[in-house]
Amino acid sequence: MSIIEKAVERLAHRPTPVPDAVDPVWESGVAEGGRIPRQQGLGDTEGLGPAAVPAVTEPARPVSRGVAILGAEKEFLLSPEGGRSRTAEEFRMIKRPLLMYAFERPADGVTFPNLILVTSSLQAEGKTFTSLNLAISITLEMDSTVLLIDGDVAKPGLSRRLGISDREVLIERLVDEDIDLSKLLLTTDIPKLTILPAGQRHKRSTELLASGNMRRFLTEVASRYSDRIVIFDSPPVLETSEAGVLGSLMGQIVLVVAHDATPQAVVREAITQLG
């Protein structure tokens, strides 16, 4: 058993904390790194009635629906504790220029360089694997948090893999801006990683992604915290129209290519369509 597998197995047997009702990095405070997480909620659970509240605590808050990633995806994930492995080092090399362009040297004319699209030319090239492991690798940074969004509204592979494909989220929020975004973000058992599922398939998904609602949504998630990286797990470029729309709104793009499988001409066509 490798070091990564042992580390993840140890984490999988630890008691999983009850996640809060909102994104834990959505509350500022004075702590190491300039931020403190919210404390666990003490209010109503879903349909279970009010929980007991100690007399000296703050007012009760509802308990969130969290996402347990560790254990179930042990063979799929990097270790949240870090460590050395060939895969971990490769993701370190991938994330370093992304973080540099996001925070240190953003390109001219890019409004939100911390918005990163992960896509591929075709299906089954490994973009979901890349999205999730890149997100975990970035959470290992001392001063970065990650919001991972399933932007593949046609075939939400990330949401299905994590068992959250039935949640009301991205598409529903684009249809109705009155929905409180903070109540849709799902905490995870990986520190500093929050997830937003794709939501239900919509016949006008391309138009919704290109709408003013989407631009306002991106402005909100990208600018609310200065240390946040937002990663979109996108549909493949050559199989849907949504990827091109999302690509035009992002600050950076990661194009995943299946080694010894995807023809060079296909990759070139995808790059051309991304502009």
Protein backbone atom coordinates (compact mmCIF):
# COMPACT_ATOMS: atom_id res chain seq x y z
CA MET A 1 0.00 0.00 0.00
CA SER A 2 1.44 3.37 -1.02
CA ILE A 3 1.97 6.35 1.32
CA ILE A 4 -0.95 8.20 -0.27
CA GLU A 5 -3.29 5.24 0.16
CA LYS A 6 -2.27 4.85 3.82
CA ALA A 7 -2.81 8.55 4.47
CA VAL A 8 -6.23 8.55 2.86
CA GLU A 9 -7.20 5.34 4.69
CA ARG A 10 -6.31 6.97 8.02
CA LEU A 11 -8.40 9.98 7.15
CA ALA A 12 -11.30 7.78 6.06
CA HIS A 13 -11.49 6.26 9.57
CA ARG A 14 -11.54 9.57 11.38
CA PRO A 15 -14.91 10.89 12.59
CA THR A 16 -16.31 13.18 9.89
CA PRO A 17 -17.27 16.62 11.31
CA VAL A 18 -20.70 17.99 10.65
CA PRO A 19 -20.26 20.69 7.99
CA ASP A 20 -21.76 24.12 8.42
CA ALA A 21 -24.76 25.48 6.58
CA VAL A 22 -22.65 27.71 4.38
CA ASP A 23 -19.29 27.72 2.73
CA PRO A 24 -16.89 27.74 5.73
CA VAL A 25 -14.56 30.21 4.03
CA TRP A 26 -17.39 32.71 3.53
CA GLU A 27 -16.85 34.20 6.98
CA SER A 28 -13.83 36.35 7.61
CA GLY A 29 -11.97 36.44 10.88
CA VAL A 30 -8.59 37.02 12.46
CA ALA A 31 -6.59 33.85 12.41
CA GLU A 32 -3.62 32.34 10.67
CA GLY A 33 -4.03 33.17 7.00
CA GLY A 34 -6.52 35.93 7.84
CA ARG A 35 -9.55 33.66 8.01
CA ILE A 36 -11.39 31.48 10.49
CA PRO A 37 -14.05 28.88 9.67
CA ARG A 38 -17.54 29.08 11.05
CA GLN A 39 -18.30 26.79 13.96
CA GLN A 40 -20.55 23.81 13.45
CA GLY A 41 -24.24 24.54 13.08
CA LEU A 42 -26.52 23.71 16.02
CA GLY A 43 -29.96 24.24 14.54
CA ASP A 44 -32.52 22.17 12.68
CA THR A 45 -31.44 19.24 10.56
CA GLU A 46 -33.49 18.30 7.55
CA GLY A 47 -36.84 17.24 8.93
CA LEU A 48 -35.46 16.12 12.28
CA GLY A 49 -36.57 19.09 14.37
CA PRO A 50 -34.46 21.46 16.50
CA ALA A 51 -31.31 20.22 18.14
CA ALA A 52 -30.37 21.06 21.71
CA VAL A 53 -28.54 24.36 22.04
CA PRO A 54 -26.20 25.04 24.99
CA ALA A 55 -27.26 28.10 26.94
CA VAL A 56 -24.01 29.99 26.42
CA THR A 57 -23.58 29.53 22.67
CA GLU A 58 -24.43 31.79 19.74
CA PRO A 59 -27.88 31.43 18.12
CA ALA A 60 -28.51 28.12 16.36
CA ARG A 61 -27.83 27.72 12.65
CA PRO A 62 -29.08 24.95 10.36
CA VAL A 63 -26.86 21.97 9.72
CA SER A 64 -25.56 21.70 6.16
CA ARG A 65 -25.68 18.94 3.62
CA GLY A 66 -22.00 18.10 3.27
CA VAL A 67 -20.11 15.87 0.83
CA ALA A 68 -17.98 12.98 2.10
CA ILE A 69 -15.25 12.48 -0.49
CA LEU A 70 -12.54 10.60 1.40
CA GLY A 71 -12.76 6.84 1.55
CA ALA A 72 -15.25 6.38 -1.27
CA GLU A 73 -12.79 7.91 -3.76
CA LYS A 74 -9.60 6.59 -2.20
CA GLU A 75 -8.18 5.29 -5.47
CA PHE A 76 -9.09 8.52 -7.24
CA LEU A 77 -7.70 11.23 -5.00
CA LEU A 78 -4.44 12.74 -3.96
CA SER A 79 -3.88 12.71 -0.23
CA PRO A 80 -5.27 15.87 1.45
CA GLU A 81 -2.29 15.63 3.81
CA GLY A 82 0.17 16.13 0.98
CA GLY A 83 3.12 13.79 0.69
CA ARG A 84 5.38 12.79 -2.17
CA SER A 85 4.31 10.73 -5.15
CA ARG A 86 4.74 11.05 -8.88
CA THR A 87 1.11 12.10 -9.32
CA ALA A 88 1.27 14.62 -6.47
CA GLU A 89 4.42 16.18 -7.95
CA GLU A 90 2.83 16.41 -11.39
CA PHE A 91 -0.16 18.27 -9.97
CA ARG A 92 2.20 20.57 -8.10
CA MET A 93 3.81 21.44 -11.42
CA ILE A 94 0.41 22.01 -13.02
CA LYS A 95 -0.90 24.28 -10.27
CA ARG A 96 2.17 26.47 -9.87
CA PRO A 97 1.73 28.58 -13.04
CA LEU A 98 -2.03 28.69 -12.46
CA LEU A 99 -1.53 30.19 -9.01
CA MET A 100 1.13 32.56 -10.29
CA TYR A 101 -1.17 33.95 -12.99
CA ALA A 102 -4.11 34.01 -10.58
CA PHE A 103 -2.45 36.02 -7.81
CA GLU A 104 1.01 37.30 -8.75
CA ARG A 105 1.14 38.10 -12.46
CA PRO A 106 -2.35 38.16 -13.98
CA ALA A 107 -2.48 38.67 -17.73
CA ASP A 108 -3.48 42.06 -19.07
CA GLY A 109 -7.19 42.40 -19.69
CA VAL A 110 -8.17 39.38 -17.57
CA THR A 111 -10.79 40.42 -15.03
CA PHE A 112 -10.80 37.30 -12.84
CA PRO A 113 -7.62 35.25 -13.31
CA ASN A 114 -8.69 33.02 -10.41
CA LEU A 115 -11.47 31.52 -12.57
CA ILE A 116 -9.98 28.34 -14.07
CA LEU A 117 -11.72 26.13 -16.63
CA VAL A 118 -10.69 22.48 -16.87
CA THR A 119 -11.84 20.95 -20.14
CA SER A 120 -10.87 18.48 -22.87
CA SER A 121 -11.44 18.02 -26.57
CA LEU A 122 -13.55 14.87 -26.19
CA GLN A 123 -15.23 12.81 -23.48
CA ALA A 124 -13.27 10.40 -21.27
CA GLU A 125 -9.91 12.19 -21.44
CA GLY A 126 -9.60 12.65 -17.67
CA LYS A 127 -10.88 16.17 -17.02
CA THR A 128 -12.93 15.21 -13.95
CA PHE A 129 -9.94 13.34 -12.49
CA THR A 130 -7.84 16.44 -13.19
CA SER A 131 -10.39 18.90 -11.80
CA LEU A 132 -10.80 17.18 -8.45
CA ASN A 133 -7.14 16.37 -7.89
CA LEU A 134 -6.06 19.85 -8.98
CA ALA A 135 -8.55 21.29 -6.49
CA ILE A 136 -7.15 19.12 -3.68
CA SER A 137 -3.58 20.04 -4.60
CA ILE A 138 -4.41 23.75 -4.44
CA THR A 139 -6.03 23.35 -1.00
CA LEU A 140 -2.62 22.25 0.27
CA GLU A 141 -1.39 25.80 -0.29
CA MET A 142 -1.09 27.82 2.90
CA ASP A 143 -3.14 30.72 1.57
CA SER A 144 -5.59 29.35 -1.01
CA THR A 145 -9.13 28.00 -0.80
CA VAL A 146 -10.99 26.30 -3.64
CA LEU A 147 -14.53 26.32 -4.94
CA LEU A 148 -15.00 23.42 -7.39
CA ILE A 149 -18.00 23.82 -9.71
CA ASP A 150 -19.45 21.08 -11.89
CA GLY A 151 -20.06 23.06 -15.07
CA ASP A 152 -20.95 20.05 -17.24
CA VAL A 153 -24.71 20.52 -17.11
CA ALA A 154 -25.30 17.95 -19.88
CA LYS A 155 -23.29 15.09 -18.35
CA PRO A 156 -22.33 16.11 -14.80
CA GLY A 157 -19.72 13.44 -14.18
CA LEU A 158 -18.28 15.13 -11.09
CA SER A 159 -21.69 15.41 -9.45
CA ARG A 160 -22.52 11.77 -10.22
CA ARG A 161 -19.17 10.54 -8.95
CA LEU A 162 -19.68 12.36 -5.64
CA GLY A 163 -23.36 11.39 -5.35
CA ILE A 164 -24.69 14.95 -5.50
CA SER A 165 -26.32 15.04 -8.93
CA ASP A 166 -29.79 15.54 -7.40
CA ARG A 167 -28.87 18.78 -5.58
CA GLU A 168 -30.43 22.12 -6.55
CA VAL A 169 -27.50 24.27 -7.56
CA LEU A 170 -25.74 25.94 -10.54
CA ILE A 171 -28.45 25.85 -13.21
CA GLU A 172 -31.20 26.56 -10.70
CA ARG A 173 -29.23 29.56 -9.39
CA LEU A 174 -28.85 30.91 -12.93
CA VAL A 175 -32.61 30.60 -13.45
CA ASP A 176 -33.44 32.26 -10.12
CA GLU A 177 -30.95 34.81 -8.76
CA ASP A 178 -33.00 35.14 -5.57
CA ILE A 179 -31.72 31.76 -4.40
CA ASP A 180 -29.17 32.29 -1.64
CA LEU A 181 -25.89 31.04 -3.12
CA SER A 182 -24.30 30.45 0.28
CA LYS A 183 -26.95 27.82 1.04
CA LEU A 184 -26.15 25.91 -2.14
CA LEU A 185 -22.41 25.52 -1.61
CA LEU A 186 -21.53 22.12 -0.17
CA THR A 187 -18.75 21.69 2.34
CA THR A 188 -16.54 18.60 2.14
CA ASP A 189 -14.35 16.54 4.41
CA ILE A 190 -11.30 17.99 2.65
CA PRO A 191 -10.20 21.23 4.33
CA LYS A 192 -10.71 24.40 2.27
CA LEU A 193 -12.60 22.61 -0.54
CA THR A 194 -16.21 23.55 -1.32
CA ILE A 195 -18.31 22.14 -4.16
CA LEU A 196 -21.20 23.40 -6.27
CA PRO A 197 -22.94 20.66 -8.31
CA ALA A 198 -24.28 21.24 -11.81
CA GLY A 199 -27.97 20.82 -11.02
CA GLN A 200 -30.73 19.56 -13.27
CA ARG A 201 -30.31 19.52 -17.04
CA HIS A 202 -31.97 22.49 -18.72
CA LYS A 203 -33.00 22.84 -22.37
CA ARG A 204 -31.53 26.36 -22.47
CA SER A 205 -28.34 25.63 -20.56
CA THR A 206 -26.08 27.27 -23.16
CA GLU A 207 -28.12 30.47 -23.07
CA LEU A 208 -28.11 30.45 -19.27
CA LEU A 209 -24.32 30.08 -19.17
CA ALA A 210 -23.99 33.02 -21.57
CA SER A 211 -26.47 35.20 -19.68
CA GLY A 212 -26.02 38.23 -17.50
CA ASN A 213 -27.03 36.04 -14.56
CA MET A 214 -23.95 33.90 -15.19
CA ARG A 215 -21.66 36.92 -15.36
CA ARG A 216 -23.03 38.23 -12.07
CA PHE A 217 -22.64 34.78 -10.56
CA LEU A 218 -19.00 34.58 -11.66
CA THR A 219 -18.31 38.04 -10.31
CA GLU A 220 -19.73 36.99 -6.94
CA VAL A 221 -17.82 33.73 -6.57
CA ALA A 222 -14.55 35.08 -7.97
CA SER A 223 -14.35 38.36 -6.06
CA ARG A 224 -15.83 37.55 -2.68
CA TYR A 225 -12.52 36.30 -1.27
CA SER A 226 -9.08 37.30 -2.43
CA ASP A 227 -7.59 33.85 -1.73
CA ARG A 228 -10.18 31.82 -3.63
CA ILE A 229 -9.52 29.73 -6.71
CA VAL A 230 -12.68 28.76 -8.63
CA ILE A 231 -12.34 25.64 -10.79
CA PHE A 232 -14.98 24.71 -13.38
CA ASP A 233 -15.16 21.09 -14.48
CA SER A 234 -16.35 21.83 -18.02
CA PRO A 235 -17.97 19.80 -20.80
CA PRO A 236 -15.65 18.73 -23.66
CA VAL A 237 -15.04 21.46 -26.21
CA LEU A 238 -15.88 19.55 -29.38
CA GLU A 239 -19.00 17.82 -28.10
CA THR A 240 -21.02 20.65 -26.55
CA SER A 241 -21.57 24.35 -27.05
CA GLU A 242 -21.38 25.09 -23.31
CA ALA A 243 -17.60 24.68 -23.11
CA GLY A 244 -16.96 27.50 -25.58
CA VAL A 245 -19.29 29.81 -23.67
CA LEU A 246 -17.63 29.01 -20.34
CA GLY A 247 -14.17 29.37 -21.85
CA SER A 248 -14.93 32.93 -22.95
CA LEU A 249 -15.74 33.86 -19.34
CA MET A 250 -12.72 32.29 -17.62
CA GLY A 251 -9.37 33.78 -16.66
CA GLN A 252 -7.37 30.61 -17.36
CA ILE A 253 -8.00 27.32 -19.17
CA VAL A 254 -6.50 23.87 -18.56
CA LEU A 255 -6.92 21.57 -21.58
CA VAL A 256 -6.64 17.89 -20.67
CA VAL A 257 -5.33 15.57 -23.39
CA ALA A 258 -5.42 11.76 -23.27
CA HIS A 259 -1.86 10.60 -23.86
CA ASP A 260 -1.42 8.43 -26.97
CA ALA A 261 -5.16 8.63 -27.62
CA THR A 262 -6.35 12.07 -28.73
CA PRO A 263 -5.17 13.02 -32.25
CA GLN A 264 -3.18 16.24 -32.54
CA ALA A 265 -5.64 17.61 -35.10
CA VAL A 266 -8.46 17.23 -32.56
CA VAL A 267 -6.46 19.10 -29.91
CA ARG A 268 -5.70 21.90 -32.36
CA GLU A 269 -9.38 22.22 -33.26
CA ALA A 270 -10.32 22.44 -29.58
CA ILE A 271 -7.74 25.17 -28.97
CA THR A 272 -9.04 27.09 -31.99
CA GLN A 273 -12.61 26.93 -30.70
CA LEU A 274 -11.48 28.13 -27.27
CA GLY A 275 -9.85 31.14 -28.92
